[in-house]
Amino acid sequence: MKLLHLVIDDKFIDGAIREFEAVAPGASEYLMLDGRPPYRHVKEGRVRAVSAEGFAQEVARADVAGVILHCLPPNHLPLLSAIPPGPMVAWLGWGYDYYGLLNDAFPEGLLGPETSALQARLAGSPAGAPAPTVLSFARPYRKPTAGEIEALRRVDVFSPVLDTEYRLARRHQPWLRAEYLRWNYGTVEDDFSLPGAPAAAPGPNLLVGNSATAPNNHLELFGLIRRRVDLGGRQVVVPLSYGDPHYRRHVLEAGTRAFGAAFVPLVDFMPREDYIRTLASCGFALMNHVRQQALGNIYISALLGARIFLDRRNPLLAWLRSQGLPIGDLEQLDTTPLGAAERDAQSSALHAGMGRAAQRERTRRLVERLRSRGG
């Protein structure tokens, strides 16, 4: 029995294929909706492009035991209705694709006041329409419609990034009955570190955010850094290689005004090895998201020995602490580097939770559950 994976063109997909093939060689087939190879990020030759009609034909095959949705962007939601009874459906959530389910879990919204105001200015309003309010932009992920809820009922296994997010979704969406199985992208050995790299202490720079997306709340964080950090001998490294180009432009302007020559934006996509070497200059990683985001950057930075700071409202803060990582609160920002013993403990916790062996076991459980066709 086969598993069909519906993937998107993203840097995480090749690693995911590696893990599923390691656990169950040849048991999976990989499809991309309306894709046109060569893809930007996906290099795996096993990914086939299909239309919506082609996907419907594939999932109707008698040998399909399960369907795995790698992220669920809006244009993939209608495909759920094409999956016939029988195959199990697993949704491996990424964050932005399911945060509409958690809208009520963050009543104050996910954007700070400066970022909300920026988003309102960028959106503007049609002639004759009322100007959008700052408050409306603080909650950028809309709740699912009745039709979307009906489509999502087809999901049997829901794997958001954090188990705490699964519980939040169940609390605020009582219709959601999918079971939870933990599955995450990437392993310490293969994706978040450089094999054989010396275990030197990271440099003094600050890593700020992970993308050109508003939930990073860059503007608020730039202000905090100016108030709280002596930038003598430091740089502010800001990844902006993907996201909203209009938002990126304003962040570039704000960063240049705030930090001058110390502002180092990363606007071009970098190979993984070069990116990790760049992050090795950053002994401090500051993430101002209210929601779960940037976990890959956090793992890389933590393995490099950086001290990590998150917004106290972010579910990641408590979750990472429960995994043994000494995550700090941005409101108590401290630029004292981690000691050698703290760096070793941080690395050990990450190997235990996100190492290859742990991740392969999670993949094996997911494969077995889906191929059981409901037991």
Protein backbone atom coordinates (compact mmCIF):
# COMPACT_ATOMS: atom_id res chain seq x y z
CA MET A 1 0.00 0.00 0.00
CA LYS A 2 1.24 3.44 -0.99
CA LEU A 3 1.36 6.85 0.69
CA LEU A 4 0.76 9.90 -1.49
CA HIS A 5 2.47 13.10 -0.38
CA LEU A 6 1.20 16.47 -1.61
CA VAL A 7 4.16 18.84 -1.27
CA ILE A 8 4.95 22.48 -1.96
CA ASP A 9 8.13 23.97 -3.43
CA ASP A 10 9.98 24.68 -0.20
CA LYS A 11 13.42 24.04 1.24
CA PHE A 12 12.06 21.59 3.85
CA ILE A 13 10.65 19.08 1.36
CA ASP A 14 13.85 17.33 0.25
CA GLY A 15 14.67 16.57 3.88
CA ALA A 16 11.18 15.23 4.47
CA ILE A 17 11.49 12.89 1.48
CA ARG A 18 14.83 11.70 2.83
CA GLU A 19 13.22 10.73 6.14
CA PHE A 20 10.23 8.91 4.65
CA GLU A 21 12.47 6.98 2.26
CA ALA A 22 14.82 6.03 5.10
CA VAL A 23 11.94 4.53 7.10
CA ALA A 24 9.88 2.99 4.28
CA PRO A 25 11.85 2.88 1.00
CA GLY A 26 9.62 3.03 -2.05
CA ALA A 27 6.38 3.25 -0.05
CA SER A 28 5.72 6.89 -0.92
CA GLU A 29 4.97 8.92 -4.03
CA TYR A 30 5.38 12.70 -4.08
CA LEU A 31 3.09 15.10 -5.95
CA MET A 32 3.15 18.87 -6.43
CA LEU A 33 0.06 20.74 -7.54
CA ASP A 34 0.53 22.53 -10.87
CA GLY A 35 4.29 22.46 -10.43
CA ARG A 36 6.72 23.24 -13.24
CA PRO A 37 10.12 21.66 -12.80
CA PRO A 38 12.81 22.66 -12.28
CA TYR A 39 11.57 23.88 -8.93
CA ARG A 40 13.15 26.67 -6.94
CA HIS A 41 13.83 24.70 -3.76
CA VAL A 42 12.87 21.06 -4.29
CA LYS A 43 15.69 19.11 -5.94
CA GLU A 44 14.32 15.59 -5.36
CA GLY A 45 13.65 13.94 -8.70
CA ARG A 46 10.80 11.82 -7.30
CA VAL A 47 8.41 14.79 -7.10
CA ARG A 48 5.82 14.70 -9.91
CA ALA A 49 3.72 17.65 -11.02
CA VAL A 50 -0.05 17.05 -11.18
CA SER A 51 -3.14 19.11 -11.85
CA ALA A 52 -6.13 19.09 -9.50
CA GLU A 53 -7.77 16.55 -11.79
CA GLY A 54 -4.61 14.45 -11.78
CA PHE A 55 -4.50 14.53 -7.99
CA ALA A 56 -8.10 13.28 -7.85
CA GLN A 57 -7.16 10.38 -10.11
CA GLU A 58 -4.11 9.51 -8.01
CA VAL A 59 -5.93 9.43 -4.66
CA ALA A 60 -8.68 7.23 -6.16
CA ARG A 61 -6.22 4.39 -6.79
CA ALA A 62 -6.96 1.19 -4.89
CA ASP A 63 -3.39 0.93 -3.59
CA VAL A 64 -3.45 4.29 -1.72
CA ALA A 65 -3.50 3.79 2.04
CA GLY A 66 -2.85 7.37 3.09
CA VAL A 67 -2.39 10.95 1.94
CA ILE A 68 0.12 13.27 3.61
CA LEU A 69 -0.38 17.00 3.16
CA HIS A 70 2.88 18.91 3.62
CA CYS A 71 1.44 22.30 4.57
CA LEU A 72 -2.12 23.15 3.56
CA PRO A 73 -2.23 26.48 1.70
CA PRO A 74 -5.67 27.76 0.63
CA ASN A 75 -5.42 26.43 -2.92
CA HIS A 76 -4.95 22.90 -1.56
CA LEU A 77 -8.07 22.92 0.64
CA PRO A 78 -10.49 22.04 -2.21
CA LEU A 79 -8.43 18.92 -2.91
CA LEU A 80 -9.60 17.36 0.36
CA SER A 81 -13.03 16.76 -1.17
CA ALA A 82 -11.39 14.67 -3.91
CA ILE A 83 -10.01 12.12 -1.44
CA PRO A 84 -12.40 9.16 -1.32
CA PRO A 85 -13.38 7.30 1.87
CA GLY A 86 -10.74 4.81 2.89
CA PRO A 87 -7.30 6.44 2.76
CA MET A 88 -6.24 8.17 5.94
CA VAL A 89 -5.29 11.84 5.64
CA ALA A 90 -2.46 13.46 7.61
CA TRP A 91 -1.89 17.21 7.69
CA LEU A 92 1.66 18.21 8.61
CA GLY A 93 1.06 21.82 9.58
CA TRP A 94 3.65 24.55 9.18
CA GLY A 95 2.08 27.41 11.15
CA TYR A 96 0.70 29.98 8.73
CA ASP A 97 -1.58 27.31 7.26
CA TYR A 98 -3.36 26.56 10.56
CA TYR A 99 -3.15 29.75 12.61
CA GLY A 100 -6.64 30.71 11.53
CA LEU A 101 -7.77 27.82 13.74
CA LEU A 102 -6.03 29.52 16.67
CA ASN A 103 -7.37 33.00 16.03
CA ASP A 104 -9.32 33.09 19.30
CA ALA A 105 -6.31 31.81 21.27
CA PHE A 106 -4.58 35.17 20.76
CA PRO A 107 -7.22 37.81 21.54
CA GLU A 108 -4.68 40.66 21.39
CA GLY A 109 -3.50 39.55 17.98
CA LEU A 110 -0.10 38.55 16.64
CA LEU A 111 1.23 41.93 15.49
CA GLY A 112 2.56 44.77 17.58
CA PRO A 113 1.08 48.27 17.19
CA GLU A 114 3.84 49.60 14.91
CA THR A 115 3.71 46.52 12.68
CA SER A 116 -0.09 46.60 12.57
CA ALA A 117 -0.01 50.25 11.55
CA LEU A 118 2.54 49.46 8.84
CA GLN A 119 0.37 46.65 7.49
CA ALA A 120 -2.65 48.95 7.43
CA ARG A 121 -0.67 51.53 5.44
CA LEU A 122 0.57 48.89 3.02
CA ALA A 123 -2.95 47.56 2.47
CA GLY A 124 -4.61 50.94 2.02
CA SER A 125 -8.32 50.95 1.19
CA PRO A 126 -10.40 51.16 -2.00
CA ALA A 127 -11.88 54.51 -2.93
CA GLY A 128 -14.89 55.26 -0.79
CA ALA A 129 -14.22 52.39 1.62
CA PRO A 130 -13.46 53.01 5.31
CA ALA A 131 -9.76 52.93 6.17
CA PRO A 132 -8.67 49.58 7.65
CA THR A 133 -8.09 49.70 11.39
CA VAL A 134 -4.81 48.86 13.06
CA LEU A 135 -6.64 46.33 15.25
CA SER A 136 -7.90 44.42 12.23
CA PHE A 137 -4.33 43.85 11.07
CA ALA A 138 -3.15 42.60 14.44
CA ARG A 139 -4.92 39.30 13.66
CA PRO A 140 -3.68 38.45 10.16
CA TYR A 141 -4.93 34.85 10.05
CA ARG A 142 -8.68 34.73 9.47
CA LYS A 143 -10.93 32.07 10.94
CA PRO A 144 -11.91 29.21 8.61
CA THR A 145 -15.20 29.50 6.76
CA ALA A 146 -17.97 26.92 7.07
CA GLY A 147 -16.88 25.42 3.76
CA GLU A 148 -13.25 25.20 4.89
CA ILE A 149 -14.28 23.57 8.15
CA GLU A 150 -16.23 20.97 6.22
CA ALA A 151 -13.18 20.25 4.08
CA LEU A 152 -10.89 19.98 7.11
CA ARG A 153 -13.14 17.36 8.70
CA ARG A 154 -11.57 14.94 6.22
CA VAL A 155 -8.23 15.16 8.10
CA ASP A 156 -7.58 12.11 10.31
CA VAL A 157 -4.15 13.06 11.72
CA PHE A 158 -3.16 16.66 12.46
CA SER A 159 0.49 17.37 13.26
CA PRO A 160 1.09 21.06 13.98
CA VAL A 161 4.59 22.09 14.96
CA LEU A 162 3.83 21.92 18.70
CA ASP A 163 1.61 19.60 20.71
CA THR A 164 0.46 22.68 22.63
CA GLU A 165 -0.89 24.12 19.37
CA TYR A 166 -2.85 20.92 18.76
CA ARG A 167 -4.48 21.33 22.17
CA LEU A 168 -5.23 24.99 21.44
CA ALA A 169 -6.83 24.06 18.12
CA ARG A 170 -9.00 21.40 19.76
CA ARG A 171 -10.04 23.86 22.48
CA HIS A 172 -11.08 26.59 20.06
CA GLN A 173 -12.34 24.36 17.23
CA PRO A 174 -14.58 21.70 18.84
CA TRP A 175 -15.37 20.23 15.42
CA LEU A 176 -11.72 19.16 15.04
CA ARG A 177 -11.50 15.45 15.80
CA ALA A 178 -8.24 14.52 14.08
CA GLU A 179 -5.78 12.63 16.26
CA TYR A 180 -2.34 14.01 17.05
CA LEU A 181 0.97 12.44 16.09
CA ARG A 182 4.15 14.42 16.52
CA TRP A 183 6.14 14.95 13.33
CA ASN A 184 8.60 17.73 12.59
CA TYR A 185 10.82 18.71 9.70
CA GLY A 186 14.57 18.36 9.92
CA THR A 187 17.13 16.61 12.09
CA VAL A 188 20.06 17.94 14.06
CA GLU A 189 22.58 15.89 12.09
CA ASP A 190 21.25 16.51 8.59
CA ASP A 191 19.60 19.93 8.58
CA PHE A 192 20.46 22.10 11.58
CA SER A 193 24.23 21.70 11.90
CA LEU A 194 27.42 21.30 9.89
CA PRO A 195 29.10 17.91 10.47
CA GLY A 196 32.63 18.23 11.74
CA ALA A 197 32.35 21.94 12.51
CA PRO A 198 34.41 23.02 15.53
CA ALA A 199 32.43 23.60 18.72
CA ALA A 200 33.60 27.20 19.09
CA ALA A 201 31.56 29.84 20.89
CA PRO A 202 29.43 31.94 18.53
CA GLY A 203 30.24 35.56 17.77
CA PRO A 204 28.73 38.67 19.43
CA ASN A 205 26.16 39.57 16.77
CA LEU A 206 22.37 39.52 17.09
CA LEU A 207 20.15 37.37 14.88
CA VAL A 208 16.78 39.10 14.52
CA GLY A 209 13.74 37.30 13.11
CA ASN A 210 13.58 34.73 10.34
CA SER A 211 11.78 36.21 7.33
CA ALA A 212 10.18 39.24 5.69
CA THR A 213 6.81 38.52 7.29
CA ALA A 214 4.84 40.76 9.64
CA PRO A 215 4.54 38.31 12.59
CA ASN A 216 8.27 38.87 13.14
CA ASN A 217 7.31 42.31 14.54
CA HIS A 218 10.63 43.74 13.39
CA LEU A 219 9.79 47.36 14.10
CA GLU A 220 9.03 46.72 17.77
CA LEU A 221 12.13 44.57 18.14
CA PHE A 222 14.38 47.18 16.52
CA GLY A 223 13.16 49.66 19.14
CA LEU A 224 13.86 47.21 21.97
CA ILE A 225 17.40 46.58 20.72
CA ARG A 226 18.13 50.31 20.49
CA ARG A 227 16.96 50.79 24.07
CA ARG A 228 18.57 47.74 25.64
CA VAL A 229 21.67 46.64 23.72
CA ASP A 230 25.11 48.23 23.39
CA LEU A 231 25.87 47.60 19.72
CA GLY A 232 29.56 48.44 20.01
CA GLY A 233 31.35 45.70 18.06
CA ARG A 234 28.07 43.97 17.12
CA GLN A 235 26.00 43.61 13.99
CA VAL A 236 22.23 43.10 13.69
CA VAL A 237 21.73 40.21 11.24
CA VAL A 238 18.19 40.11 9.82
CA PRO A 239 17.09 37.27 7.47
CA LEU A 240 14.70 38.67 4.85
CA SER A 241 15.15 36.30 1.91
CA TYR A 242 11.52 35.23 1.71
CA GLY A 243 8.17 36.76 2.56
CA ASP A 244 6.38 39.95 1.51
CA PRO A 245 8.56 42.22 -0.69
CA HIS A 246 6.62 45.34 0.32
CA TYR A 247 7.04 44.59 4.01
CA ARG A 248 10.73 43.78 3.38
CA ARG A 249 11.30 47.21 1.84
CA HIS A 250 10.01 48.96 4.96
CA VAL A 251 12.05 46.71 7.25
CA LEU A 252 15.18 47.50 5.24
CA GLU A 253 14.50 51.22 5.60
CA ALA A 254 13.75 50.93 9.33
CA GLY A 255 16.83 48.78 9.98
CA THR A 256 19.13 51.19 8.18
CA ARG A 257 17.70 54.16 10.13
CA ALA A 258 18.00 52.32 13.44
CA PHE A 259 21.42 50.69 13.13
CA GLY A 260 23.28 52.22 10.20
CA ALA A 261 26.32 50.18 9.18
CA ALA A 262 25.60 47.62 11.92
CA PHE A 263 22.45 46.52 10.07
CA VAL A 264 23.11 43.36 8.00
CA PRO A 265 20.03 42.22 6.08
CA LEU A 266 20.13 38.82 4.37
CA VAL A 267 17.96 39.40 1.31
CA ASP A 268 19.17 36.60 -0.98
CA PHE A 269 18.54 32.90 -0.51
CA MET A 270 21.72 31.19 0.78
CA PRO A 271 22.76 27.54 0.66
CA ARG A 272 22.24 25.86 4.02
CA GLU A 273 25.96 25.58 4.77
CA ASP A 274 26.59 29.27 4.11
CA TYR A 275 23.55 30.26 6.14
CA ILE A 276 24.69 28.25 9.16
CA ARG A 277 28.18 29.77 8.93
CA THR A 278 26.60 33.23 8.88
CA LEU A 279 24.52 32.44 11.96
CA ALA A 280 27.68 31.28 13.75
CA SER A 281 28.56 34.97 14.12
CA CYS A 282 25.41 35.46 16.24
CA GLY A 283 25.65 34.61 19.91
CA PHE A 284 22.11 35.88 20.48
CA ALA A 285 18.91 35.05 18.61
CA LEU A 286 15.97 37.41 19.16
CA MET A 287 12.56 36.35 17.85
CA ASN A 288 9.63 38.70 18.41
CA HIS A 289 6.85 36.44 17.17
CA VAL A 290 3.77 35.99 19.34
CA ARG A 291 3.00 32.75 17.50
CA GLN A 292 5.19 29.74 16.84
CA GLN A 293 7.58 30.55 14.02
CA ALA A 294 11.28 30.38 13.12
CA LEU A 295 11.87 27.02 14.79
CA GLY A 296 14.54 26.05 12.25
CA ASN A 297 16.49 29.23 12.93
CA ILE A 298 16.11 28.69 16.65
CA TYR A 299 17.45 25.13 16.42
CA ILE A 300 20.42 26.19 14.29
CA SER A 301 21.26 29.07 16.64
CA ALA A 302 20.89 26.94 19.75
CA LEU A 303 23.17 24.24 18.32
CA LEU A 304 25.73 26.94 17.56
CA GLY A 305 25.61 27.97 21.22
CA ALA A 306 23.54 31.14 20.97
CA ARG A 307 21.36 32.47 23.75
CA ILE A 308 17.74 32.47 22.54
CA PHE A 309 15.08 35.06 23.45
CA LEU A 310 11.36 34.88 22.62
CA ASP A 311 8.22 36.84 23.37
CA ARG A 312 6.75 35.49 26.61
CA ARG A 313 3.35 35.01 24.93
CA ASN A 314 4.79 32.70 22.29
CA PRO A 315 3.82 29.03 22.92
CA LEU A 316 7.34 28.12 21.83
CA LEU A 317 8.90 29.63 24.93
CA ALA A 318 7.31 27.23 27.41
CA TRP A 319 7.53 24.32 24.97
CA LEU A 320 11.25 24.74 24.33
CA ARG A 321 11.91 25.11 28.03
CA SER A 322 10.04 21.84 28.57
CA GLN A 323 12.49 20.27 26.08
CA GLY A 324 15.41 21.38 28.26
CA LEU A 325 16.45 24.59 26.46
CA PRO A 326 17.19 27.70 28.59
CA ILE A 327 15.06 30.10 26.52
CA GLY A 328 15.03 33.71 27.68
CA ASP A 329 12.24 36.29 27.76
CA LEU A 330 12.74 39.30 25.46
CA GLU A 331 11.52 41.59 28.23
CA GLN A 332 14.54 40.45 30.26
CA LEU A 333 17.07 40.67 27.45
CA ASP A 334 20.59 39.75 28.58
CA THR A 335 23.60 39.88 26.26
CA THR A 336 25.84 37.76 28.47
CA PRO A 337 27.07 34.84 26.32
CA LEU A 338 26.24 31.29 27.32
CA GLY A 339 29.05 29.45 29.08
CA ALA A 340 30.58 26.24 27.70
CA ALA A 341 28.55 24.03 30.05
CA GLU A 342 25.31 25.79 29.08
CA ARG A 343 26.10 25.41 25.39
CA ASP A 344 26.78 21.69 25.86
CA ALA A 345 23.52 21.19 27.77
CA GLN A 346 21.59 23.05 25.09
CA SER A 347 23.14 20.92 22.35
CA SER A 348 22.43 17.68 24.24
CA ALA A 349 18.77 18.62 24.69
CA LEU A 350 18.44 19.28 20.97
CA HIS A 351 20.08 16.00 19.99
CA ALA A 352 17.70 14.14 22.29
CA GLY A 353 14.58 15.81 20.94
CA MET A 354 15.43 16.51 17.29
CA GLY A 355 18.19 14.05 16.52
CA ARG A 356 18.00 11.66 13.59
CA ALA A 357 17.02 8.65 15.70
CA ALA A 358 14.13 10.48 17.42
CA GLN A 359 12.81 11.88 14.16
CA ARG A 360 13.01 8.55 12.33
CA GLU A 361 10.97 6.91 15.08
CA ARG A 362 8.28 9.58 14.66
CA THR A 363 8.29 9.02 10.90
CA ARG A 364 7.97 5.26 11.40
CA ARG A 365 4.95 5.75 13.67
CA LEU A 366 3.26 8.07 11.19
CA VAL A 367 3.84 5.67 8.28
CA GLU A 368 2.52 2.72 10.27
CA ARG A 369 -0.55 4.64 11.38
CA LEU A 370 -1.46 5.69 7.85
CA ARG A 371 -0.79 2.31 6.31
CA SER A 372 -3.00 0.70 8.92
CA ARG A 373 -6.01 2.28 7.09
CA GLY A 374 -7.67 2.96 10.41
CA GLY A 375 -6.47 -0.24 12.11
